[in-house]
Amino acid sequence: MSSRSTRLLLMLSAFVAGLILCFSVVLLVTDRAGAPIIAAPAIGGPFKLTDQNGKTITDQDLKGHPFLVFFGFTHCPDVCPTALADISDIFDKLGGDADKVNALFITVDPERDTPQALKDYLSSFNARLIGVGGDADALAAVAKAYRVYYKKVPLKDGDYTMDHTAIVYLMDKNGQFVAPFSLKRRPEEAAADLRRYF
C-alpha cells in the first residue's frame, strides 16, 4: 500500500470514528424514542499532564474559561495541522477576547512528542495554543476520559504514524463537555459561537 493510500485510509478511519462518536452523543442527548434520558456519558474529567514549557497543567487550571480540546500528534501529515490552523484563525478573529478561552492540543504520541517537540511544532500556530503531553499511561487515561480512539500504525519503512479521533471538543467554563466544535465554517462564525460560553 502506498504512503498516500495509507494516509487516506488513516484519515478515513479517523473520520468514521469521529462520526460514530458524534452520532452516539446526539442519540444519547436527544430523546428519539420518547423514553426518559438516563444520562449522557461523561466526556472529559480530571487530568494532570505537562505543557510545552515543561510545567504541570491540570483540568483545574482551565476552570473559569471555556476551552477546546483536540487530540493529535506532531508528525501528523494533514488533519492535525489543518485543525490547529483553523483554531488559530478563530483566536485571531476573537481579537481581545482570545484571552477568555483556551485550547489544548493533547498528543497521542508520547514516544516522540516531548515538551520541546510540542513547543517547536506549535510555534507555527497561534501562541494561545497549549501543547500537552505526559507518559503513556497518563495520556491513555485522558484519551479514555474523552472517548478518544488512537492507535500506533507501523509503516513499511520502520517508522510509524498514529490513527486517532479527530474531533474538537468544546468544554464550558466548568470543564463540562458541551458538544463537538465544528471547524467547518467561517472563523468569524466559530468565534461568535465561542463567545456564547464566556
C-alpha atoms as a PDB file:
ATOM      1  CA  MET A   1       0.000   0.000   0.000  1.00  0.00           C
ATOM      2  CA  SER A   2       1.406   3.415  -0.959  1.00  0.00           C
ATOM      3  CA  SER A   3       2.094   6.162   1.574  1.00  0.00           C
ATOM      4  CA  ARG A   4      -0.729   8.201   0.048  1.00  0.00           C
ATOM      5  CA  SER A   5      -3.149   5.284   0.321  1.00  0.00           C
ATOM      6  CA  THR A   6      -2.093   4.708   3.922  1.00  0.00           C
ATOM      7  CA  ARG A   7      -2.711   8.371   4.768  1.00  0.00           C
ATOM      8  CA  LEU A   8      -6.107   8.326   3.078  1.00  0.00           C
ATOM      9  CA  LEU A   9      -7.079   5.155   4.922  1.00  0.00           C
ATOM     10  CA  LEU A  10      -5.980   6.654   8.255  1.00  0.00           C
ATOM     11  CA  MET A  11      -7.886   9.862   7.583  1.00  0.00           C
ATOM     12  CA  LEU A  12     -10.998   7.895   6.620  1.00  0.00           C
ATOM     13  CA  SER A  13     -10.714   5.746   9.768  1.00  0.00           C
ATOM     14  CA  ALA A  14     -10.399   8.826  11.996  1.00  0.00           C
ATOM     15  CA  PHE A  15     -13.335  10.481  10.208  1.00  0.00           C
ATOM     16  CA  VAL A  16     -15.556   7.414  10.617  1.00  0.00           C
ATOM     17  CA  ALA A  17     -14.613   7.090  14.301  1.00  0.00           C
ATOM     18  CA  GLY A  18     -15.475  10.755  14.763  1.00  0.00           C
ATOM     19  CA  LEU A  19     -18.846  10.350  13.029  1.00  0.00           C
ATOM     20  CA  ILE A  20     -19.690   7.388  15.219  1.00  0.00           C
ATOM     21  CA  LEU A  21     -18.836   9.361  18.362  1.00  0.00           C
ATOM     22  CA  CYS A  22     -20.837  12.413  17.221  1.00  0.00           C
ATOM     23  CA  PHE A  23     -23.837  10.272  16.264  1.00  0.00           C
ATOM     24  CA  SER A  24     -23.677   8.441  19.607  1.00  0.00           C
ATOM     25  CA  VAL A  25     -23.610  11.730  21.515  1.00  0.00           C
ATOM     26  CA  VAL A  26     -26.573  13.053  19.520  1.00  0.00           C
ATOM     27  CA  LEU A  27     -28.584   9.881  20.157  1.00  0.00           C
ATOM     28  CA  LEU A  28     -27.840   9.997  23.867  1.00  0.00           C
ATOM     29  CA  VAL A  29     -28.585  13.690  24.247  1.00  0.00           C
ATOM     30  CA  THR A  30     -31.795  13.740  22.178  1.00  0.00           C
ATOM     31  CA  ASP A  31     -34.864  11.798  23.144  1.00  0.00           C
ATOM     32  CA  ARG A  32     -35.643   9.955  19.897  1.00  0.00           C
ATOM     33  CA  ALA A  33     -37.941   7.275  21.320  1.00  0.00           C
ATOM     34  CA  GLY A  34     -39.870   9.316  23.877  1.00  0.00           C
ATOM     35  CA  ALA A  35     -38.227   7.421  26.717  1.00  0.00           C
ATOM     36  CA  PRO A  36     -36.655   9.348  29.577  1.00  0.00           C
ATOM     37  CA  ILE A  37     -32.984  10.083  29.150  1.00  0.00           C
ATOM     38  CA  ILE A  38     -30.972   8.470  31.923  1.00  0.00           C
ATOM     39  CA  ALA A  39     -27.728  10.390  31.424  1.00  0.00           C
ATOM     40  CA  ALA A  40     -25.293  11.248  28.690  1.00  0.00           C
ATOM     41  CA  PRO A  41     -21.895   9.627  29.124  1.00  0.00           C
ATOM     42  CA  ALA A  42     -19.330  11.848  30.754  1.00  0.00           C
ATOM     43  CA  ILE A  43     -16.722  13.259  28.406  1.00  0.00           C
ATOM     44  CA  GLY A  44     -13.651  14.834  29.933  1.00  0.00           C
ATOM     45  CA  GLY A  45     -12.547  14.857  33.533  1.00  0.00           C
ATOM     46  CA  PRO A  46      -9.571  15.423  35.816  1.00  0.00           C
ATOM     47  CA  PHE A  47      -6.071  15.230  34.382  1.00  0.00           C
ATOM     48  CA  LYS A  48      -2.508  16.126  35.315  1.00  0.00           C
ATOM     49  CA  LEU A  49      -0.160  16.467  32.351  1.00  0.00           C
ATOM     50  CA  THR A  50       2.796  18.569  31.182  1.00  0.00           C
ATOM     51  CA  ASP A  51       2.628  21.540  28.824  1.00  0.00           C
ATOM     52  CA  GLN A  52       5.100  22.534  26.113  1.00  0.00           C
ATOM     53  CA  ASN A  53       7.070  24.605  28.638  1.00  0.00           C
ATOM     54  CA  GLY A  54       7.577  21.639  30.949  1.00  0.00           C
ATOM     55  CA  LYS A  55       5.056  22.904  33.502  1.00  0.00           C
ATOM     56  CA  THR A  56       2.347  20.781  35.071  1.00  0.00           C
ATOM     57  CA  ILE A  57      -1.151  21.548  33.843  1.00  0.00           C
ATOM     58  CA  THR A  58      -4.378  20.183  35.301  1.00  0.00           C
ATOM     59  CA  ASP A  59      -8.063  20.482  34.487  1.00  0.00           C
ATOM     60  CA  GLN A  60      -8.346  22.890  37.444  1.00  0.00           C
ATOM     61  CA  ASP A  61      -6.018  25.359  35.686  1.00  0.00           C
ATOM     62  CA  LEU A  62      -8.610  25.727  32.923  1.00  0.00           C
ATOM     63  CA  LYS A  63     -11.651  26.364  35.110  1.00  0.00           C
ATOM     64  CA  GLY A  64     -13.284  29.739  34.630  1.00  0.00           C
ATOM     65  CA  HIS A  65     -12.936  29.811  30.834  1.00  0.00           C
ATOM     66  CA  PRO A  66     -14.369  27.640  28.072  1.00  0.00           C
ATOM     67  CA  PHE A  67     -11.767  25.583  26.272  1.00  0.00           C
ATOM     68  CA  LEU A  68     -11.277  23.488  23.164  1.00  0.00           C
ATOM     69  CA  VAL A  69      -9.551  20.105  23.220  1.00  0.00           C
ATOM     70  CA  PHE A  70      -8.022  18.383  20.206  1.00  0.00           C
ATOM     71  CA  PHE A  71      -6.026  15.139  20.246  1.00  0.00           C
ATOM     72  CA  GLY A  72      -3.278  14.671  17.663  1.00  0.00           C
ATOM     73  CA  PHE A  73       0.462  14.393  17.177  1.00  0.00           C
ATOM     74  CA  THR A  74       3.281  16.498  15.772  1.00  0.00           C
ATOM     75  CA  HIS A  75       4.122  14.103  12.917  1.00  0.00           C
ATOM     76  CA  CYS A  76       0.512  14.195  11.671  1.00  0.00           C
ATOM     77  CA  PRO A  77       0.637  14.911   7.911  1.00  0.00           C
ATOM     78  CA  ASP A  78      -2.565  16.880   7.403  1.00  0.00           C
ATOM     79  CA  VAL A  79      -5.525  16.562   9.796  1.00  0.00           C
ATOM     80  CA  CYS A  80      -3.748  17.988  12.858  1.00  0.00           C
ATOM     81  CA  PRO A  81      -2.034  20.976  11.229  1.00  0.00           C
ATOM     82  CA  THR A  82      -5.277  21.844   9.447  1.00  0.00           C
ATOM     83  CA  ALA A  83      -7.284  21.739  12.688  1.00  0.00           C
ATOM     84  CA  LEU A  84      -4.667  23.791  14.563  1.00  0.00           C
ATOM     85  CA  ALA A  85      -4.547  26.364  11.754  1.00  0.00           C
ATOM     86  CA  ASP A  86      -8.354  26.636  11.904  1.00  0.00           C
ATOM     87  CA  ILE A  87      -8.266  27.094  15.698  1.00  0.00           C
ATOM     88  CA  SER A  88      -5.534  29.718  15.267  1.00  0.00           C
ATOM     89  CA  ASP A  89      -7.772  31.593  12.807  1.00  0.00           C
ATOM     90  CA  ILE A  90     -10.584  31.532  15.376  1.00  0.00           C
ATOM     91  CA  PHE A  91      -8.279  33.001  18.034  1.00  0.00           C
ATOM     92  CA  ASP A  92      -7.309  35.728  15.565  1.00  0.00           C
ATOM     93  CA  LYS A  93     -10.987  36.560  14.976  1.00  0.00           C
ATOM     94  CA  LEU A  94     -11.637  36.691  18.728  1.00  0.00           C
ATOM     95  CA  GLY A  95      -9.175  39.588  18.984  1.00  0.00           C
ATOM     96  CA  GLY A  96      -9.127  40.954  22.541  1.00  0.00           C
ATOM     97  CA  ASP A  97     -11.495  38.192  23.676  1.00  0.00           C
ATOM     98  CA  ALA A  98      -8.930  35.481  22.878  1.00  0.00           C
ATOM     99  CA  ASP A  99      -7.743  35.506  26.493  1.00  0.00           C
ATOM    100  CA  LYS A 100     -11.225  34.351  27.574  1.00  0.00           C
ATOM    101  CA  VAL A 101     -10.815  30.889  26.011  1.00  0.00           C
ATOM    102  CA  ASN A 102      -8.131  28.186  25.981  1.00  0.00           C
ATOM    103  CA  ALA A 103      -7.276  25.456  23.506  1.00  0.00           C
ATOM    104  CA  LEU A 104      -5.404  22.245  24.276  1.00  0.00           C
ATOM    105  CA  PHE A 105      -3.549  20.119  21.754  1.00  0.00           C
ATOM    106  CA  ILE A 106      -3.110  16.789  23.559  1.00  0.00           C
ATOM    107  CA  THR A 107      -0.634  14.412  21.976  1.00  0.00           C
ATOM    108  CA  VAL A 108      -1.422  10.752  21.344  1.00  0.00           C
ATOM    109  CA  ASP A 109       2.262  10.099  20.569  1.00  0.00           C
ATOM    110  CA  PRO A 110       4.176  10.348  23.870  1.00  0.00           C
ATOM    111  CA  GLU A 111       7.139   8.499  22.377  1.00  0.00           C
ATOM    112  CA  ARG A 112       8.050  11.400  20.079  1.00  0.00           C
ATOM    113  CA  ASP A 113       6.090  14.375  21.393  1.00  0.00           C
ATOM    114  CA  THR A 114       8.269  15.699  24.193  1.00  0.00           C
ATOM    115  CA  PRO A 115       7.563  19.178  25.600  1.00  0.00           C
ATOM    116  CA  GLN A 116      10.260  20.587  23.307  1.00  0.00           C
ATOM    117  CA  ALA A 117       8.806  18.832  20.259  1.00  0.00           C
ATOM    118  CA  LEU A 118       5.365  20.240  21.107  1.00  0.00           C
ATOM    119  CA  LYS A 119       6.832  23.718  21.620  1.00  0.00           C
ATOM    120  CA  ASP A 120       8.647  23.639  18.277  1.00  0.00           C
ATOM    121  CA  TYR A 121       5.570  22.349  16.476  1.00  0.00           C
ATOM    122  CA  LEU A 122       3.164  24.877  17.990  1.00  0.00           C
ATOM    123  CA  SER A 123       5.458  27.792  17.133  1.00  0.00           C
ATOM    124  CA  SER A 124       3.799  27.739  13.697  1.00  0.00           C
ATOM    125  CA  PHE A 125       0.353  28.414  15.188  1.00  0.00           C
ATOM    126  CA  ASN A 126      -1.376  30.901  17.473  1.00  0.00           C
ATOM    127  CA  ALA A 127       0.575  31.429  20.695  1.00  0.00           C
ATOM    128  CA  ARG A 128      -2.526  30.699  22.808  1.00  0.00           C
ATOM    129  CA  LEU A 129      -2.492  27.004  21.836  1.00  0.00           C
ATOM    130  CA  ILE A 130      -1.302  24.832  24.710  1.00  0.00           C
ATOM    131  CA  GLY A 131       0.568  21.649  23.813  1.00  0.00           C
ATOM    132  CA  VAL A 132       0.038  18.914  26.376  1.00  0.00           C
ATOM    133  CA  GLY A 133       1.795  15.590  26.879  1.00  0.00           C
ATOM    134  CA  GLY A 134       2.840  13.116  29.521  1.00  0.00           C
ATOM    135  CA  ASP A 135       3.702   9.481  29.944  1.00  0.00           C
ATOM    136  CA  ALA A 136       1.803   6.790  28.041  1.00  0.00           C
ATOM    137  CA  ASP A 137      -0.420   5.822  30.989  1.00  0.00           C
ATOM    138  CA  ALA A 138      -1.453   9.405  31.772  1.00  0.00           C
ATOM    139  CA  LEU A 139      -2.272  10.098  28.126  1.00  0.00           C
ATOM    140  CA  ALA A 140      -4.214   6.852  27.808  1.00  0.00           C
ATOM    141  CA  ALA A 141      -6.312   7.865  30.830  1.00  0.00           C
ATOM    142  CA  VAL A 142      -7.107  11.293  29.333  1.00  0.00           C
ATOM    143  CA  ALA A 143      -7.945   9.770  25.944  1.00  0.00           C
ATOM    144  CA  LYS A 144     -10.285   7.313  27.656  1.00  0.00           C
ATOM    145  CA  ALA A 145     -11.975  10.149  29.567  1.00  0.00           C
ATOM    146  CA  TYR A 146     -12.603  11.974  26.275  1.00  0.00           C
ATOM    147  CA  ARG A 147     -13.659   8.772  24.460  1.00  0.00           C
ATOM    148  CA  VAL A 148     -10.747   9.202  22.046  1.00  0.00           C
ATOM    149  CA  TYR A 149      -9.537   6.340  19.898  1.00  0.00           C
ATOM    150  CA  TYR A 150      -5.851   6.200  18.962  1.00  0.00           C
ATOM    151  CA  LYS A 151      -3.505   3.506  17.732  1.00  0.00           C
ATOM    152  CA  LYS A 152       0.109   3.275  16.626  1.00  0.00           C
ATOM    153  CA  VAL A 153       0.304   2.184  12.992  1.00  0.00           C
ATOM    154  CA  PRO A 154       3.660   0.830  11.722  1.00  0.00           C
ATOM    155  CA  LEU A 155       4.831   1.938   8.285  1.00  0.00           C
ATOM    156  CA  LYS A 156       6.838  -0.225   5.885  1.00  0.00           C
ATOM    157  CA  ASP A 157       9.993   1.907   6.285  1.00  0.00           C
ATOM    158  CA  GLY A 158      10.198   1.119  10.017  1.00  0.00           C
ATOM    159  CA  ASP A 159       8.614   4.426  11.026  1.00  0.00           C
ATOM    160  CA  TYR A 160       5.063   4.749  12.323  1.00  0.00           C
ATOM    161  CA  THR A 161       2.070   7.048  12.291  1.00  0.00           C
ATOM    162  CA  MET A 162      -0.890   7.403  14.628  1.00  0.00           C
ATOM    163  CA  ASP A 163      -4.521   6.737  13.822  1.00  0.00           C
ATOM    164  CA  HIS A 164      -6.735   8.886  16.074  1.00  0.00           C
ATOM    165  CA  THR A 165     -10.108  10.513  16.609  1.00  0.00           C
ATOM    166  CA  ALA A 166     -10.136  13.964  15.013  1.00  0.00           C
ATOM    167  CA  ILE A 167     -12.851  15.791  16.941  1.00  0.00           C
ATOM    168  CA  VAL A 168     -12.541  19.197  18.582  1.00  0.00           C
ATOM    169  CA  TYR A 169     -14.291  19.098  21.968  1.00  0.00           C
ATOM    170  CA  LEU A 170     -15.911  22.230  23.388  1.00  0.00           C
ATOM    171  CA  MET A 171     -15.819  22.321  27.180  1.00  0.00           C
ATOM    172  CA  ASP A 172     -17.580  25.024  29.199  1.00  0.00           C
ATOM    173  CA  LYS A 173     -16.020  27.197  31.901  1.00  0.00           C
ATOM    174  CA  ASN A 174     -16.741  24.476  34.480  1.00  0.00           C
ATOM    175  CA  GLY A 175     -14.924  21.849  32.438  1.00  0.00           C
ATOM    176  CA  GLN A 176     -18.144  20.141  31.335  1.00  0.00           C
ATOM    177  CA  PHE A 177     -18.493  18.818  27.792  1.00  0.00           C
ATOM    178  CA  VAL A 178     -20.803  20.949  25.616  1.00  0.00           C
ATOM    179  CA  ALA A 179     -20.562  19.450  22.121  1.00  0.00           C
ATOM    180  CA  PRO A 180     -18.171  18.657  19.287  1.00  0.00           C
ATOM    181  CA  PHE A 181     -16.968  22.037  17.987  1.00  0.00           C
ATOM    182  CA  SER A 182     -17.223  22.435  14.223  1.00  0.00           C
ATOM    183  CA  LEU A 183     -14.286  23.937  12.350  1.00  0.00           C
ATOM    184  CA  LYS A 184     -16.127  23.557   9.031  1.00  0.00           C
ATOM    185  CA  ARG A 185     -17.364  27.144   8.953  1.00  0.00           C
ATOM    186  CA  ARG A 186     -16.015  30.649   8.684  1.00  0.00           C
ATOM    187  CA  PRO A 187     -13.681  31.600  11.585  1.00  0.00           C
ATOM    188  CA  GLU A 188     -15.953  34.561  12.384  1.00  0.00           C
ATOM    189  CA  GLU A 189     -18.898  32.204  12.914  1.00  0.00           C
ATOM    190  CA  ALA A 190     -16.880  29.847  15.111  1.00  0.00           C
ATOM    191  CA  ALA A 191     -15.598  32.796  17.160  1.00  0.00           C
ATOM    192  CA  ALA A 192     -19.159  34.088  17.650  1.00  0.00           C
ATOM    193  CA  ASP A 193     -20.203  30.603  18.806  1.00  0.00           C
ATOM    194  CA  LEU A 194     -17.374  30.506  21.366  1.00  0.00           C
ATOM    195  CA  ARG A 195     -18.328  33.915  22.761  1.00  0.00           C
ATOM    196  CA  ARG A 196     -21.637  32.394  23.929  1.00  0.00           C
ATOM    197  CA  TYR A 197     -19.733  30.397  26.546  1.00  0.00           C
ATOM    198  CA  PHE A 198     -17.641  33.214  28.087  1.00  0.00           C
END
